[in-house]
C-alpha atoms as a PDB file:
ATOM      1  CA  MET A   1     -27.756  37.101   2.384  1.00  0.00           C
ATOM      2  CA  ALA A   2     -28.653  34.479   5.237  1.00  0.00           C
ATOM      3  CA  LEU A   3     -29.435  32.271   1.910  1.00  0.00           C
ATOM      4  CA  ALA A   4     -26.160  33.127   0.148  1.00  0.00           C
ATOM      5  CA  LEU A   5     -23.663  31.712   3.389  1.00  0.00           C
ATOM      6  CA  THR A   6     -25.466  28.470   3.263  1.00  0.00           C
ATOM      7  CA  VAL A   7     -25.114  27.679  -0.401  1.00  0.00           C
ATOM      8  CA  PRO A   8     -23.651  24.705  -0.139  1.00  0.00           C
ATOM      9  CA  THR A   9     -20.433  24.131  -1.619  1.00  0.00           C
ATOM     10  CA  GLN A  10     -20.626  22.400  -5.441  1.00  0.00           C
ATOM     11  CA  ALA A  11     -19.607  18.687  -5.218  1.00  0.00           C
ATOM     12  CA  ALA A  12     -15.917  17.844  -6.461  1.00  0.00           C
ATOM     13  CA  GLU A  13     -14.279  15.134  -8.528  1.00  0.00           C
ATOM     14  CA  ILE A  14     -11.742  14.162  -6.630  1.00  0.00           C
ATOM     15  CA  THR A  15      -8.594  11.666  -8.147  1.00  0.00           C
ATOM     16  CA  LEU A  16      -6.609   9.708  -5.067  1.00  0.00           C
ATOM     17  CA  LEU A  17      -3.425   8.140  -6.204  1.00  0.00           C
ATOM     18  CA  THR A  18      -2.305   5.778  -3.913  1.00  0.00           C
ATOM     19  CA  THR A  19       0.482   3.330  -3.554  1.00  0.00           C
ATOM     20  CA  GLY A  20      -1.564  -0.924  -3.250  1.00  0.00           C
ATOM     21  CA  ALA A  21      -0.618  -1.472  -0.060  1.00  0.00           C
ATOM     22  CA  TYR A  22      -3.032   1.818   1.319  1.00  0.00           C
ATOM     23  CA  LYS A  23      -5.205   1.167  -1.431  1.00  0.00           C
ATOM     24  CA  PRO A  24      -7.557  -1.389   1.115  1.00  0.00           C
ATOM     25  CA  VAL A  25      -7.553   1.395   3.858  1.00  0.00           C
ATOM     26  CA  ALA A  26      -8.822   4.500   1.491  1.00  0.00           C
ATOM     27  CA  ALA A  27     -11.554   2.046  -0.219  1.00  0.00           C
ATOM     28  CA  ALA A  28     -13.116   1.466   3.310  1.00  0.00           C
ATOM     29  CA  LEU A  29     -13.012   5.181   4.046  1.00  0.00           C
ATOM     30  CA  VAL A  30     -14.002   6.580   0.884  1.00  0.00           C
ATOM     31  CA  PRO A  31     -17.782   5.905   1.098  1.00  0.00           C
ATOM     32  CA  ALA A  32     -18.353   7.899   4.736  1.00  0.00           C
ATOM     33  CA  PHE A  33     -16.408  11.088   3.367  1.00  0.00           C
ATOM     34  CA  GLU A  34     -18.612  10.557  -0.576  1.00  0.00           C
ATOM     35  CA  ARG A  35     -21.685  10.730   1.446  1.00  0.00           C
ATOM     36  CA  ARG A  36     -21.167  13.219   4.017  1.00  0.00           C
ATOM     37  CA  THR A  37     -19.793  15.708   1.412  1.00  0.00           C
ATOM     38  CA  GLY A  38     -21.002  15.346  -2.045  1.00  0.00           C
ATOM     39  CA  HIS A  39     -18.049  14.687  -3.468  1.00  0.00           C
ATOM     40  CA  HIS A  40     -16.860  11.795  -5.562  1.00  0.00           C
ATOM     41  CA  VAL A  41     -13.925  10.080  -5.281  1.00  0.00           C
ATOM     42  CA  THR A  42     -11.989   7.970  -8.216  1.00  0.00           C
ATOM     43  CA  LEU A  43      -9.126   5.651  -6.237  1.00  0.00           C
ATOM     44  CA  ARG A  44      -6.220   5.129  -8.620  1.00  0.00           C
ATOM     45  CA  ASN A  45      -3.698   2.699  -7.270  1.00  0.00           C
ATOM     46  CA  GLU A  46       0.018   1.376  -8.533  1.00  0.00           C
ATOM     47  CA  THR A  47       3.032   0.384  -6.828  1.00  0.00           C
ATOM     48  CA  ALA A  48       5.758   3.222  -5.376  1.00  0.00           C
ATOM     49  CA  GLY A  49       7.220   2.995  -8.091  1.00  0.00           C
ATOM     50  CA  ALA A  50       4.700   3.469 -10.466  1.00  0.00           C
ATOM     51  CA  VAL A  51       2.857   6.409  -8.999  1.00  0.00           C
ATOM     52  CA  ALA A  52       6.272   8.444  -8.741  1.00  0.00           C
ATOM     53  CA  GLN A  53       6.408   7.762 -12.194  1.00  0.00           C
ATOM     54  CA  ALA A  54       3.040   8.886 -13.102  1.00  0.00           C
ATOM     55  CA  ILE A  55       3.715  12.136 -11.215  1.00  0.00           C
ATOM     56  CA  ARG A  56       6.949  12.494 -13.096  1.00  0.00           C
ATOM     57  CA  ASP A  57       5.434  11.745 -16.469  1.00  0.00           C
ATOM     58  CA  GLY A  58       3.296  14.614 -16.029  1.00  0.00           C
ATOM     59  CA  ALA A  59      -0.243  13.247 -13.901  1.00  0.00           C
ATOM     60  CA  ARG A  60      -2.022  15.798 -11.682  1.00  0.00           C
ATOM     61  CA  PRO A  61      -3.939  13.698  -9.080  1.00  0.00           C
ATOM     62  CA  ASP A  62      -5.550  16.046  -6.705  1.00  0.00           C
ATOM     63  CA  LEU A  63      -4.342  13.579  -3.486  1.00  0.00           C
ATOM     64  CA  VAL A  64      -1.432  11.388  -3.988  1.00  0.00           C
ATOM     65  CA  VAL A  65      -0.378   8.520  -1.110  1.00  0.00           C
ATOM     66  CA  LEU A  66       3.160   7.490  -1.505  1.00  0.00           C
ATOM     67  CA  THR A  67       6.044   6.861   0.947  1.00  0.00           C
ATOM     68  CA  PRO A  68       7.635  10.071   2.597  1.00  0.00           C
ATOM     69  CA  ALA A  69      10.849   9.451   0.777  1.00  0.00           C
ATOM     70  CA  GLY A  70       8.714   8.921  -2.408  1.00  0.00           C
ATOM     71  CA  LEU A  71       7.316  12.648  -1.935  1.00  0.00           C
ATOM     72  CA  ASP A  72      10.441  14.019  -0.645  1.00  0.00           C
ATOM     73  CA  ALA A  73      11.885  13.067  -4.029  1.00  0.00           C
ATOM     74  CA  LEU A  74       9.409  14.403  -6.165  1.00  0.00           C
ATOM     75  CA  ILE A  75       9.327  17.628  -4.197  1.00  0.00           C
ATOM     76  CA  ARG A  76      13.558  17.764  -4.965  1.00  0.00           C
ATOM     77  CA  ASP A  77      12.929  17.068  -8.438  1.00  0.00           C
ATOM     78  CA  GLY A  78      10.179  19.704  -8.549  1.00  0.00           C
ATOM     79  CA  ARG A  79       7.379  17.362  -9.783  1.00  0.00           C
ATOM     80  CA  LEU A  80       5.442  18.311  -6.820  1.00  0.00           C
ATOM     81  CA  ALA A  81       4.949  21.498  -4.290  1.00  0.00           C
ATOM     82  CA  GLY A  82       2.787  22.240  -1.555  1.00  0.00           C
ATOM     83  CA  ALA A  83       1.687  21.835   2.175  1.00  0.00           C
ATOM     84  CA  PRO A  84       4.482  19.192   4.019  1.00  0.00           C
ATOM     85  CA  PRO A  85       3.101  15.279   3.597  1.00  0.00           C
ATOM     86  CA  VAL A  86       0.338  13.941   6.216  1.00  0.00           C
ATOM     87  CA  PRO A  87       1.256  10.763   7.583  1.00  0.00           C
ATOM     88  CA  LEU A  88      -1.105   8.316   7.164  1.00  0.00           C
ATOM     89  CA  ALA A  89      -0.433   4.467   7.870  1.00  0.00           C
ATOM     90  CA  LYS A  90       2.501   2.195   8.360  1.00  0.00           C
ATOM     91  CA  VAL A  91       2.600  -2.004   7.316  1.00  0.00           C
ATOM     92  CA  GLY A  92       5.093  -4.587   7.865  1.00  0.00           C
ATOM     93  CA  ILE A  93       5.121  -7.392   5.422  1.00  0.00           C
ATOM     94  CA  GLY A  94       3.393 -11.101   5.714  1.00  0.00           C
ATOM     95  CA  VAL A  95       3.204 -14.692   4.794  1.00  0.00           C
ATOM     96  CA  ALA A  96       0.054 -15.909   3.437  1.00  0.00           C
ATOM     97  CA  VAL A  97      -0.998 -19.451   1.880  1.00  0.00           C
ATOM     98  CA  ARG A  98      -3.989 -20.429   0.449  1.00  0.00           C
ATOM     99  CA  ASP A  99      -7.199 -21.349   2.944  1.00  0.00           C
ATOM    100  CA  GLY A 100      -7.004 -25.053   3.923  1.00  0.00           C
ATOM    101  CA  ALA A 101      -3.036 -25.220   3.172  1.00  0.00           C
ATOM    102  CA  PRO A 102      -0.469 -26.437   5.561  1.00  0.00           C
ATOM    103  CA  VAL A 103       0.546 -23.421   7.736  1.00  0.00           C
ATOM    104  CA  PRO A 104       4.257 -23.157   7.825  1.00  0.00           C
ATOM    105  CA  ASP A 105       5.982 -22.333  11.347  1.00  0.00           C
ATOM    106  CA  ILE A 106       7.405 -18.722  10.316  1.00  0.00           C
ATOM    107  CA  ALA A 107       7.930 -17.575  14.189  1.00  0.00           C
ATOM    108  CA  THR A 108      12.015 -17.635  14.070  1.00  0.00           C
ATOM    109  CA  LEU A 109      14.169 -16.506  11.330  1.00  0.00           C
ATOM    110  CA  ALA A 110      15.162 -19.934  10.872  1.00  0.00           C
ATOM    111  CA  GLY A 111      11.978 -21.019  10.348  1.00  0.00           C
ATOM    112  CA  PHE A 112      11.015 -18.599   7.510  1.00  0.00           C
ATOM    113  CA  ARG A 113      13.744 -19.507   5.542  1.00  0.00           C
ATOM    114  CA  GLU A 114      13.103 -23.001   6.209  1.00  0.00           C
ATOM    115  CA  ALA A 115       9.254 -22.465   4.652  1.00  0.00           C
ATOM    116  CA  LEU A 116      10.941 -20.139   1.722  1.00  0.00           C
ATOM    117  CA  LEU A 117      13.501 -22.946   0.312  1.00  0.00           C
ATOM    118  CA  ARG A 118      10.873 -25.738   0.911  1.00  0.00           C
ATOM    119  CA  ALA A 119       7.936 -23.813  -1.235  1.00  0.00           C
ATOM    120  CA  ARG A 120       7.075 -25.041  -4.610  1.00  0.00           C
ATOM    121  CA  SER A 121       7.195 -21.201  -5.561  1.00  0.00           C
ATOM    122  CA  VAL A 122       6.762 -17.789  -3.565  1.00  0.00           C
ATOM    123  CA  ALA A 123       4.690 -15.280  -5.284  1.00  0.00           C
ATOM    124  CA  MET A 124       6.006 -11.462  -4.571  1.00  0.00           C
ATOM    125  CA  VAL A 125       6.006  -8.340  -6.158  1.00  0.00           C
ATOM    126  CA  ASP A 126       8.431  -8.153  -9.273  1.00  0.00           C
ATOM    127  CA  PRO A 127      11.011  -5.337  -7.613  1.00  0.00           C
ATOM    128  CA  ALA A 128      11.483  -4.369 -11.330  1.00  0.00           C
ATOM    129  CA  SER A 129       8.209  -2.474 -11.311  1.00  0.00           C
ATOM    130  CA  GLY A 130       8.984  -0.507  -7.809  1.00  0.00           C
ATOM    131  CA  GLY A 131       6.657  -2.051  -5.581  1.00  0.00           C
ATOM    132  CA  SER A 132       8.273  -1.612  -1.649  1.00  0.00           C
ATOM    133  CA  SER A 133       7.951  -4.756  -0.586  1.00  0.00           C
ATOM    134  CA  GLY A 134       9.609  -6.611  -3.582  1.00  0.00           C
ATOM    135  CA  ILE A 135      12.512  -4.219  -3.516  1.00  0.00           C
ATOM    136  CA  TYR A 136      13.138  -5.309   0.272  1.00  0.00           C
ATOM    137  CA  LEU A 137      12.335  -8.897  -0.394  1.00  0.00           C
ATOM    138  CA  ALA A 138      15.483  -9.172  -2.635  1.00  0.00           C
ATOM    139  CA  GLY A 139      17.596  -7.635  -0.929  1.00  0.00           C
ATOM    140  CA  LEU A 140      16.336  -9.702   2.035  1.00  0.00           C
ATOM    141  CA  PHE A 141      17.104 -12.776   0.207  1.00  0.00           C
ATOM    142  CA  ALA A 142      20.274 -11.877  -0.957  1.00  0.00           C
ATOM    143  CA  ARG A 143      21.542 -11.223   3.379  1.00  0.00           C
ATOM    144  CA  LEU A 144      19.852 -14.659   4.061  1.00  0.00           C
ATOM    145  CA  GLY A 145      21.665 -16.453   1.526  1.00  0.00           C
ATOM    146  CA  VAL A 146      19.108 -18.235  -0.303  1.00  0.00           C
ATOM    147  CA  ALA A 147      18.733 -15.520  -3.336  1.00  0.00           C
ATOM    148  CA  ASP A 148      19.947 -17.949  -6.187  1.00  0.00           C
ATOM    149  CA  ARG A 149      17.979 -21.265  -4.639  1.00  0.00           C
ATOM    150  CA  MET A 150      14.942 -18.651  -4.560  1.00  0.00           C
ATOM    151  CA  LYS A 151      15.608 -17.339  -8.268  1.00  0.00           C
ATOM    152  CA  ASP A 152      13.489 -20.066 -10.239  1.00  0.00           C
ATOM    153  CA  LYS A 153      11.145 -20.552  -7.454  1.00  0.00           C
ATOM    154  CA  LEU A 154       9.675 -16.851  -7.629  1.00  0.00           C
ATOM    155  CA  VAL A 155       6.389 -15.577  -8.575  1.00  0.00           C
ATOM    156  CA  LEU A 156       6.868 -12.043  -9.845  1.00  0.00           C
ATOM    157  CA  VAL A 157       3.638  -9.711  -9.944  1.00  0.00           C
ATOM    158  CA  ARG A 158       4.086  -6.554 -11.521  1.00  0.00           C
ATOM    159  CA  GLY A 159       1.700  -4.468  -8.899  1.00  0.00           C
ATOM    160  CA  GLY A 160      -1.217  -6.210  -7.746  1.00  0.00           C
ATOM    161  CA  LEU A 161      -2.032  -8.293  -5.300  1.00  0.00           C
ATOM    162  CA  ALA A 162       0.707 -11.440  -4.735  1.00  0.00           C
ATOM    163  CA  ALA A 163      -2.059 -13.450  -2.614  1.00  0.00           C
ATOM    164  CA  SER A 164      -4.146 -13.960  -5.693  1.00  0.00           C
ATOM    165  CA  ARG A 165      -0.944 -16.125  -7.123  1.00  0.00           C
ATOM    166  CA  LEU A 166      -1.803 -18.650  -3.984  1.00  0.00           C
ATOM    167  CA  ILE A 167      -6.141 -19.005  -5.474  1.00  0.00           C
ATOM    168  CA  THR A 168      -4.725 -19.761  -8.871  1.00  0.00           C
ATOM    169  CA  GLY A 169      -2.534 -22.620  -7.656  1.00  0.00           C
ATOM    170  CA  GLU A 170       0.531 -20.640  -9.199  1.00  0.00           C
ATOM    171  CA  ALA A 171       2.351 -20.359  -5.820  1.00  0.00           C
ATOM    172  CA  ASP A 172       2.046 -21.962  -2.377  1.00  0.00           C
ATOM    173  CA  LEU A 173       3.774 -19.022  -0.530  1.00  0.00           C
ATOM    174  CA  ALA A 174       2.640 -14.954  -0.886  1.00  0.00           C
ATOM    175  CA  LEU A 175       5.161 -12.245   0.491  1.00  0.00           C
ATOM    176  CA  GLN A 176       3.631  -9.313   0.484  1.00  0.00           C
ATOM    177  CA  GLN A 177       2.860  -6.243   2.548  1.00  0.00           C
ATOM    178  CA  THR A 178       0.231  -7.452   4.956  1.00  0.00           C
ATOM    179  CA  SER A 179      -2.795  -5.466   3.918  1.00  0.00           C
ATOM    180  CA  GLU A 180      -2.620  -6.537   0.483  1.00  0.00           C
ATOM    181  CA  LEU A 181      -2.094  -9.911   1.230  1.00  0.00           C
ATOM    182  CA  LEU A 182      -5.441  -9.452   3.830  1.00  0.00           C
ATOM    183  CA  ALA A 183      -7.358  -7.782   0.709  1.00  0.00           C
ATOM    184  CA  VAL A 184      -7.573 -11.436  -0.953  1.00  0.00           C
ATOM    185  CA  PRO A 185     -10.677 -13.425  -0.610  1.00  0.00           C
ATOM    186  CA  GLY A 186      -9.480 -17.448   0.123  1.00  0.00           C
ATOM    187  CA  ALA A 187      -5.904 -16.130   1.068  1.00  0.00           C
ATOM    188  CA  ARG A 188      -4.957 -17.023   4.461  1.00  0.00           C
ATOM    189  CA  LEU A 189      -2.259 -14.513   6.484  1.00  0.00           C
ATOM    190  CA  VAL A 190      -0.030 -16.614   8.041  1.00  0.00           C
ATOM    191  CA  GLY A 191       1.740 -13.732   9.773  1.00  0.00           C
ATOM    192  CA  PRO A 192       4.453 -11.382   9.818  1.00  0.00           C
ATOM    193  CA  ILE A 193       8.154 -12.238   8.731  1.00  0.00           C
ATOM    194  CA  PRO A 194      10.518 -12.475  11.935  1.00  0.00           C
ATOM    195  CA  ALA A 195      10.500  -9.061  13.870  1.00  0.00           C
ATOM    196  CA  GLU A 196      14.769  -9.140  13.141  1.00  0.00           C
ATOM    197  CA  VAL A 197      13.713  -9.070   9.119  1.00  0.00           C
ATOM    198  CA  GLN A 198      10.912  -6.902   9.213  1.00  0.00           C
ATOM    199  CA  ASN A 199      10.351  -3.650   7.241  1.00  0.00           C
ATOM    200  CA  PHE A 200       7.783  -1.325   7.724  1.00  0.00           C
ATOM    201  CA  THR A 201       6.954   0.738   5.390  1.00  0.00           C
ATOM    202  CA  VAL A 202       5.392   4.247   6.141  1.00  0.00           C
ATOM    203  CA  TYR A 203       3.014   5.909   3.900  1.00  0.00           C
ATOM    204  CA  ALA A 204       2.128   9.729   3.545  1.00  0.00           C
ATOM    205  CA  GLY A 205      -0.645  12.076   1.793  1.00  0.00           C
ATOM    206  CA  MET A 206      -0.105  15.387   0.275  1.00  0.00           C
ATOM    207  CA  VAL A 207      -2.516  17.200  -1.901  1.00  0.00           C
ATOM    208  CA  PRO A 208      -0.031  19.109  -5.054  1.00  0.00           C
ATOM    209  CA  ALA A 209      -0.442  22.871  -5.176  1.00  0.00           C
ATOM    210  CA  GLY A 210      -2.277  23.898  -8.051  1.00  0.00           C
ATOM    211  CA  ALA A 211      -4.807  20.273  -7.761  1.00  0.00           C
ATOM    212  CA  ALA A 212      -7.874  21.125  -9.587  1.00  0.00           C
ATOM    213  CA  ALA A 213      -9.948  19.541  -6.461  1.00  0.00           C
ATOM    214  CA  ALA A 214      -7.556  20.820  -3.684  1.00  0.00           C
ATOM    215  CA  GLU A 215      -9.875  21.833  -1.331  1.00  0.00           C
ATOM    216  CA  ALA A 216     -11.648  18.885  -1.515  1.00  0.00           C
ATOM    217  CA  ALA A 217      -8.954  16.709  -1.551  1.00  0.00           C
ATOM    218  CA  SER A 218      -7.859  18.067   1.577  1.00  0.00           C
ATOM    219  CA  ALA A 219     -10.673  17.446   3.278  1.00  0.00           C
ATOM    220  CA  LEU A 220     -10.601  14.202   2.197  1.00  0.00           C
ATOM    221  CA  LEU A 221      -7.131  14.005   3.696  1.00  0.00           C
ATOM    222  CA  ARG A 222      -7.984  15.044   7.403  1.00  0.00           C
ATOM    223  CA  ASP A 223     -10.607  12.153   6.974  1.00  0.00           C
ATOM    224  CA  LEU A 224      -7.654   9.677   6.237  1.00  0.00           C
ATOM    225  CA  ALA A 225      -5.611  10.991   8.868  1.00  0.00           C
ATOM    226  CA  GLY A 226      -8.524  11.057  11.699  1.00  0.00           C
ATOM    227  CA  PRO A 227      -9.366   9.146  14.335  1.00  0.00           C
ATOM    228  CA  GLU A 228     -11.792   7.374  12.371  1.00  0.00           C
ATOM    229  CA  ALA A 229      -8.839   5.658  10.288  1.00  0.00           C
ATOM    230  CA  ALA A 230      -7.791   4.215  13.613  1.00  0.00           C
ATOM    231  CA  PRO A 231      -9.645   0.970  13.378  1.00  0.00           C
ATOM    232  CA  VAL A 232      -9.847   0.715   9.371  1.00  0.00           C
ATOM    233  CA  LEU A 233      -6.313   0.353   9.857  1.00  0.00           C
ATOM    234  CA  ALA A 234      -6.115  -2.631  12.038  1.00  0.00           C
ATOM    235  CA  GLU A 235      -8.472  -4.162  10.053  1.00  0.00           C
ATOM    236  CA  LYS A 236      -6.820  -3.771   6.820  1.00  0.00           C
ATOM    237  CA  GLY A 237      -3.487  -4.888   8.439  1.00  0.00           C
ATOM    238  CA  MET A 238      -2.092  -1.656   9.213  1.00  0.00           C
ATOM    239  CA  ALA A 239      -1.191   0.517  12.176  1.00  0.00           C
ATOM    240  CA  SER A 240      -0.955   4.477  12.774  1.00  0.00           C
ATOM    241  CA  PRO A 241       2.412   6.118  11.576  1.00  0.00           C
ATOM    242  CA  SER A 242       2.995   7.391  15.052  1.00  0.00           C
ATOM    243  CA  PRO A 243       6.083   5.352  16.829  1.00  0.00           C
END
């Protein structure tokens, strides 16, 4: 009987579907989880809009990381059910340049606006792809009165890392959530956009009802929300979702 009680749980195959901004944190935390549990995690990432669309199209991951609003919409539409989402992280939008390039002064709103207008080209996520930062920045450019002047200099990335366009020489400024800017070797984070126009996005995790590896995915979610995540969040340009 004692031997029966100590038989280890069979290793599970967990599919984690996450937004791109949270991917660097998940990628840093997953290996320790795999070593400790014996489970294997397949990590998939998309823009927030593409993650939601994948669920609508029938994708059935074991764990989903998305904005609370995105998860709530899927729950209302009957596409997701299960335990309430667990807040994991929040992140703001930053500005990056290529290593060695002149660093613009973006400490003030006037300086940020001037840096946008002086740039030869600016890389950001295409709002049409459903990326949170791209959607916000498109509205911000309109509020700053620069939308028309920015139109021809934008290098739009349909998901992925906007700062990669700095390395290829296609852009001399990149705007995206800081965790994604920091993920590109050869890119230098200048800093966050000014506080008065900053936009923080919160990410939460949810194990859908009926997930094939629900127990293992719930254990992974506890790790992602646990105290060991705090230094990784800071290293990757994110913060605790707590106010």
